[in-house]
N, C-alpha and C. Protein backbone atom coordinates (compact mmCIF):
# COMPACT_ATOMS: atom_id res chain seq x y z
N MET A 1 -7.01 11.60 0.94
CA MET A 1 -5.30 11.44 0.86
C MET A 1 -5.37 9.77 2.03
N ALA A 2 -4.88 9.51 0.87
CA ALA A 2 -4.71 7.66 1.66
C ALA A 2 -3.74 8.13 2.69
N LEU A 3 -3.89 7.12 3.72
CA LEU A 3 -3.50 7.58 5.11
C LEU A 3 -2.11 7.29 4.80
N GLU A 4 -0.77 7.75 5.91
CA GLU A 4 0.00 8.12 6.06
C GLU A 4 0.84 6.79 7.36
N ILE A 5 1.02 5.65 6.94
CA ILE A 5 1.69 4.59 7.27
C ILE A 5 2.92 4.65 7.83
N THR A 6 3.25 4.44 9.14
CA THR A 6 4.76 4.81 9.37
C THR A 6 5.15 3.84 10.33
N ASP A 7 6.52 3.71 10.62
CA ASP A 7 6.82 2.60 11.45
C ASP A 7 6.21 2.53 12.77
N ALA A 8 5.92 3.37 13.25
CA ALA A 8 5.12 3.49 14.48
C ALA A 8 3.66 3.03 14.68
N ASN A 9 2.88 3.36 13.32
CA ASN A 9 1.55 3.15 12.98
C ASN A 9 1.25 1.75 12.45
N PHE A 10 2.17 1.05 12.38
CA PHE A 10 2.02 -0.12 10.98
C PHE A 10 1.23 -1.04 11.38
N GLN A 11 1.69 -1.29 12.85
CA GLN A 11 1.15 -2.74 14.20
C GLN A 11 -0.42 -2.52 13.62
N GLU A 12 -0.58 -1.21 14.19
CA GLU A 12 -2.19 -1.06 14.59
C GLU A 12 -3.06 -1.07 12.96
N LEU A 13 -2.47 0.14 12.30
CA LEU A 13 -3.47 0.54 10.75
C LEU A 13 -3.76 -0.88 10.00
N VAL A 14 -2.34 -1.78 9.97
CA VAL A 14 -2.71 -2.33 9.11
C VAL A 14 -2.58 -4.23 9.36
N MET A 15 -1.27 -4.42 10.50
CA MET A 15 -1.46 -5.80 10.71
C MET A 15 -2.98 -5.82 11.51
N ASN A 16 -3.32 -5.46 11.97
CA ASN A 16 -4.43 -5.23 13.25
C ASN A 16 -5.93 -4.66 12.67
N SER A 17 -5.73 -4.63 11.16
CA SER A 17 -7.01 -3.93 10.12
C SER A 17 -7.87 -5.34 9.90
N ASN A 18 -9.13 -5.31 10.58
CA ASN A 18 -10.54 -6.35 9.84
C ASN A 18 -10.73 -5.94 8.68
N LYS A 19 -9.67 -4.91 7.61
CA LYS A 19 -10.33 -4.44 6.38
C LYS A 19 -9.43 -5.54 6.04
N PRO A 20 -9.52 -5.60 4.32
CA PRO A 20 -8.28 -5.80 3.26
C PRO A 20 -7.39 -3.98 3.36
N VAL A 21 -5.74 -4.76 3.37
CA VAL A 21 -5.50 -3.29 3.27
C VAL A 21 -4.55 -3.14 2.15
N VAL A 22 -3.94 -2.45 1.41
CA VAL A 22 -3.13 -1.96 0.77
C VAL A 22 -2.21 -0.84 0.95
N VAL A 23 -0.68 -0.86 0.99
CA VAL A 23 -0.06 -0.51 0.92
C VAL A 23 1.04 -0.02 0.25
N ASP A 24 1.03 1.32 -0.42
CA ASP A 24 2.27 1.89 -1.55
C ASP A 24 3.20 2.22 -0.76
N PHE A 25 4.63 1.07 -0.93
CA PHE A 25 5.99 1.85 -0.72
C PHE A 25 6.48 2.49 -1.32
N TRP A 26 6.81 4.00 -1.11
CA TRP A 26 7.21 4.92 -2.31
C TRP A 26 7.94 5.43 -1.73
N ALA A 27 8.33 6.37 -2.34
CA ALA A 27 9.81 7.52 -2.17
C ALA A 27 9.74 8.77 -3.02
N GLU A 28 9.55 10.32 -2.04
CA GLU A 28 9.64 11.37 -3.39
C GLU A 28 10.62 11.17 -4.41
N TRP A 29 11.66 10.67 -4.66
CA TRP A 29 12.22 10.87 -5.73
C TRP A 29 12.34 9.88 -6.84
N CYS A 30 11.20 8.71 -6.26
CA CYS A 30 10.85 8.10 -7.71
C CYS A 30 9.73 7.92 -8.42
N GLY A 31 10.22 8.22 -9.79
CA GLY A 31 9.46 8.86 -10.80
C GLY A 31 8.66 8.01 -10.60
N PRO A 32 8.71 6.16 -11.25
CA PRO A 32 7.46 5.42 -10.86
C PRO A 32 6.52 5.84 -9.77
N CYS A 33 6.86 5.99 -8.86
CA CYS A 33 5.78 5.85 -7.28
C CYS A 33 5.13 6.79 -7.90
N ARG A 34 5.48 8.20 -8.51
CA ARG A 34 4.84 9.23 -8.92
C ARG A 34 3.49 9.07 -9.93
N MET A 35 3.80 8.36 -10.51
CA MET A 35 3.24 7.67 -11.12
C MET A 35 1.97 6.41 -10.82
N VAL A 36 2.28 5.83 -9.80
CA VAL A 36 1.17 5.20 -8.83
C VAL A 36 0.51 5.82 -8.14
N GLY A 37 1.41 7.00 -6.95
CA GLY A 37 0.26 7.88 -6.23
C GLY A 37 -1.08 8.21 -6.34
N PRO A 38 -0.99 8.94 -7.82
CA PRO A 38 -2.80 9.03 -7.99
C PRO A 38 -3.55 8.06 -8.38
N ILE A 39 -3.47 7.07 -8.42
CA ILE A 39 -4.13 5.82 -8.82
C ILE A 39 -4.10 5.25 -7.56
N ILE A 40 -3.68 5.49 -6.39
CA ILE A 40 -3.72 5.36 -4.74
C ILE A 40 -5.07 5.60 -4.16
N GLU A 41 -4.54 7.17 -4.52
CA GLU A 41 -5.40 8.44 -4.48
C GLU A 41 -7.36 7.85 -4.60
N GLU A 42 -7.17 8.07 -5.95
CA GLU A 42 -8.16 7.06 -6.39
C GLU A 42 -8.49 6.06 -5.49
N ILE A 43 -8.09 4.78 -5.24
CA ILE A 43 -8.62 3.89 -5.00
C ILE A 43 -8.86 4.13 -3.46
N HIS A 44 -8.07 5.04 -3.12
CA HIS A 44 -8.48 5.59 -1.80
C HIS A 44 -10.02 5.85 -1.47
N LYS A 45 -10.15 6.73 -2.26
CA LYS A 45 -11.64 7.20 -2.17
C LYS A 45 -13.09 5.88 -2.49
N GLU A 46 -12.31 5.48 -3.95
CA GLU A 46 -13.96 4.34 -4.15
C GLU A 46 -13.64 3.49 -3.53
N TYR A 47 -12.75 3.06 -2.19
CA TYR A 47 -13.19 2.20 -1.60
C TYR A 47 -13.29 2.42 0.10
N ASP A 48 -13.27 4.16 0.09
CA ASP A 48 -13.69 4.22 1.16
C ASP A 48 -14.52 3.52 1.90
N GLY A 49 -13.46 2.86 3.51
CA GLY A 49 -15.42 2.01 4.39
C GLY A 49 -15.00 0.80 3.82
N LYS A 50 -14.76 0.45 2.71
CA LYS A 50 -14.50 -1.40 2.32
C LYS A 50 -13.06 -2.08 2.97
N ALA A 51 -11.92 -0.60 2.69
CA ALA A 51 -11.01 -1.05 2.28
C ALA A 51 -9.89 -0.66 2.89
N VAL A 52 -8.35 -0.51 3.82
CA VAL A 52 -7.98 0.68 4.44
C VAL A 52 -7.00 0.81 2.87
N ILE A 53 -6.50 1.92 2.55
CA ILE A 53 -5.54 2.07 1.25
C ILE A 53 -4.64 3.11 1.90
N GLY A 54 -3.15 2.75 2.31
CA GLY A 54 -2.22 3.61 2.60
C GLY A 54 -0.88 3.79 1.66
N LYS A 55 0.16 4.44 2.70
CA LYS A 55 1.82 5.19 1.91
C LYS A 55 2.47 4.59 2.91
N VAL A 56 3.95 4.11 2.43
CA VAL A 56 4.72 4.19 3.44
C VAL A 56 5.89 4.67 2.64
N ASN A 57 6.51 5.54 3.34
CA ASN A 57 7.31 6.25 2.88
C ASN A 57 8.60 5.53 3.26
N VAL A 58 9.25 5.64 1.93
CA VAL A 58 10.28 4.24 2.42
C VAL A 58 11.72 5.19 3.65
N ASP A 59 11.79 6.50 2.47
CA ASP A 59 13.08 7.50 3.57
C ASP A 59 12.77 7.42 4.67
N LEU A 60 11.44 7.60 4.91
CA LEU A 60 11.18 7.71 6.53
C LEU A 60 10.90 7.03 7.28
N ASN A 61 10.36 5.56 6.88
CA ASN A 61 9.81 4.67 7.48
C ASN A 61 10.98 3.45 7.32
N PRO A 62 12.22 3.29 7.63
CA PRO A 62 12.82 2.15 6.97
C PRO A 62 12.92 0.90 7.68
N GLY A 63 11.81 0.68 8.95
CA GLY A 63 12.08 -0.41 10.45
C GLY A 63 10.81 -0.86 9.07
N VAL A 64 9.70 -0.50 8.77
CA VAL A 64 8.63 -1.32 7.97
C VAL A 64 9.05 -1.92 6.71
N ALA A 65 10.11 -0.61 6.00
CA ALA A 65 10.40 -1.45 4.57
C ALA A 65 11.48 -2.97 4.65
N SER A 66 11.55 -2.95 5.59
CA SER A 66 12.99 -4.36 6.12
C SER A 66 12.56 -4.69 6.25
N GLN A 67 11.80 -5.16 7.17
CA GLN A 67 10.59 -5.98 7.25
C GLN A 67 9.39 -7.07 6.54
N PHE A 68 9.62 -6.22 5.26
CA PHE A 68 9.06 -6.69 4.70
C PHE A 68 9.75 -7.29 3.36
N GLY A 69 11.48 -6.54 3.61
CA GLY A 69 11.96 -6.89 2.32
C GLY A 69 11.90 -5.93 1.53
N ILE A 70 10.98 -4.46 1.25
CA ILE A 70 10.87 -4.06 -0.01
C ILE A 70 12.28 -3.85 -0.54
N ARG A 71 12.71 -3.85 -1.96
CA ARG A 71 14.20 -3.69 -1.69
C ARG A 71 13.74 -2.51 -3.46
N ASN A 72 12.89 -2.58 -4.47
CA ASN A 72 11.85 -2.15 -5.17
C ASN A 72 11.09 -0.51 -5.30
N ILE A 73 10.94 -0.08 -5.49
CA ILE A 73 9.62 0.74 -5.17
C ILE A 73 9.27 1.50 -6.38
N PRO A 74 7.90 2.37 -6.71
CA PRO A 74 7.27 1.19 -5.95
C PRO A 74 6.06 -0.27 -5.70
N THR A 75 7.01 -0.54 -4.33
CA THR A 75 6.01 -2.13 -4.23
C THR A 75 4.40 -2.10 -3.89
N ILE A 76 3.71 -2.29 -3.96
CA ILE A 76 1.77 -2.51 -3.42
C ILE A 76 2.16 -3.37 -2.27
N LEU A 77 1.74 -4.01 -0.99
CA LEU A 77 1.57 -5.01 -0.87
C LEU A 77 -0.09 -5.05 -0.69
N PHE A 78 -0.46 -5.88 -0.64
CA PHE A 78 -2.01 -6.50 -0.49
C PHE A 78 -2.36 -7.36 0.70
N ILE A 79 -2.89 -6.69 1.71
CA ILE A 79 -2.83 -7.65 3.50
C ILE A 79 -4.55 -7.68 3.61
N LYS A 80 -4.53 -9.04 3.96
CA LYS A 80 -5.74 -9.50 4.83
C LYS A 80 -5.50 -10.06 6.36
N ASN A 81 -6.30 -9.83 6.78
CA ASN A 81 -5.96 -10.36 8.29
C ASN A 81 -3.77 -10.55 8.24
N GLY A 82 -3.95 -9.96 8.71
CA GLY A 82 -2.19 -9.43 9.09
C GLY A 82 -1.31 -10.46 7.95
N GLU A 83 -1.64 -10.94 6.91
CA GLU A 83 -0.87 -11.82 5.84
C GLU A 83 -0.60 -11.42 4.58
N ILE A 84 0.23 -10.83 3.76
CA ILE A 84 0.41 -10.93 2.68
C ILE A 84 -0.40 -11.76 1.98
N VAL A 85 -1.67 -11.49 0.63
CA VAL A 85 -2.12 -12.30 0.08
C VAL A 85 -1.62 -11.41 -1.60
N ASP A 86 -1.38 -10.61 -1.40
CA ASP A 86 -0.30 -9.97 -2.93
C ASP A 86 0.44 -9.16 -3.08
N LYS A 87 0.97 -8.81 -4.49
CA LYS A 87 2.04 -8.23 -4.35
C LYS A 87 2.26 -7.92 -5.83
N GLN A 88 2.42 -5.86 -5.94
CA GLN A 88 2.45 -6.09 -7.46
C GLN A 88 3.98 -4.96 -7.18
N VAL A 89 4.93 -5.40 -7.94
CA VAL A 89 6.12 -4.60 -8.00
C VAL A 89 6.10 -3.88 -9.72
N GLY A 90 6.64 -2.54 -8.93
CA GLY A 90 6.07 -1.17 -9.90
C GLY A 90 4.93 -1.28 -10.70
N ALA A 91 5.44 0.12 -10.97
CA ALA A 91 4.44 0.24 -11.79
C ALA A 91 3.16 -0.52 -12.48
N ALA A 92 1.86 -0.13 -12.58
CA ALA A 92 1.08 -0.77 -13.47
C ALA A 92 -0.57 0.17 -13.40
N PRO A 93 -1.64 -0.15 -14.29
CA PRO A 93 -2.66 0.56 -14.43
C PRO A 93 -3.64 0.13 -13.37
N LYS A 94 -4.63 0.80 -12.96
CA LYS A 94 -5.54 1.22 -12.08
C LYS A 94 -6.01 -0.29 -12.10
N ASN A 95 -6.80 -0.95 -13.35
CA ASN A 95 -7.43 -1.76 -13.07
C ASN A 95 -6.55 -3.52 -12.32
N LEU A 96 -5.60 -3.00 -12.14
CA LEU A 96 -4.50 -4.26 -12.01
C LEU A 96 -5.07 -4.46 -10.56
N PHE A 97 -4.68 -3.53 -9.96
CA PHE A 97 -4.23 -2.38 -7.85
C PHE A 97 -5.70 -2.96 -8.80
N THR A 98 -6.84 -2.88 -8.45
CA THR A 98 -8.37 -2.90 -8.16
C THR A 98 -8.84 -4.27 -8.39
N SER A 99 -8.60 -4.67 -9.00
CA SER A 99 -8.85 -6.62 -8.98
C SER A 99 -7.86 -7.04 -8.09
N LYS A 100 -7.02 -6.59 -8.35
CA LYS A 100 -6.25 -7.79 -6.80
C LYS A 100 -7.09 -6.96 -5.59
N LEU A 101 -7.01 -5.83 -5.37
CA LEU A 101 -7.77 -5.60 -4.10
C LEU A 101 -9.49 -5.78 -3.82
N ASP A 102 -10.29 -6.48 -5.47
CA ASP A 102 -11.31 -6.92 -5.03
C ASP A 102 -11.80 -8.28 -4.88
N ALA A 103 -10.28 -8.66 -5.35
CA ALA A 103 -10.76 -10.16 -5.04
C ALA A 103 -10.30 -10.56 -3.11
N MET A 104 -9.97 -9.62 -2.66
CA MET A 104 -9.67 -9.77 -1.25
C MET A 104 -11.11 -9.27 -0.27
N LEU A 105 -12.39 -8.83 -1.41
CA LEU A 105 -13.35 -7.85 -0.23
C LEU A 105 -14.19 -9.36 -0.47
């Protein structure tokens, strides 16, 4: 299962990571988030050891969501060396996510 990223562990798991990070901002009530969720889980398995794949529940972790100005969900951030290098707002096919991640590896 993808890492559960929270306001408390975001700095450690995401900003201080020496690997590329994919962060899925989502909520339980969000229909498109439920479409993206299984894709994020597949990517988590496929890129195990090569990248950090995690999810932030915006309802439970408003600090991180507001820090990055997340207004629409799902929003997926692609972060390398503590910098956002790419972003996807809304549901998209798996190959779009993997191509953005591959570009960071």
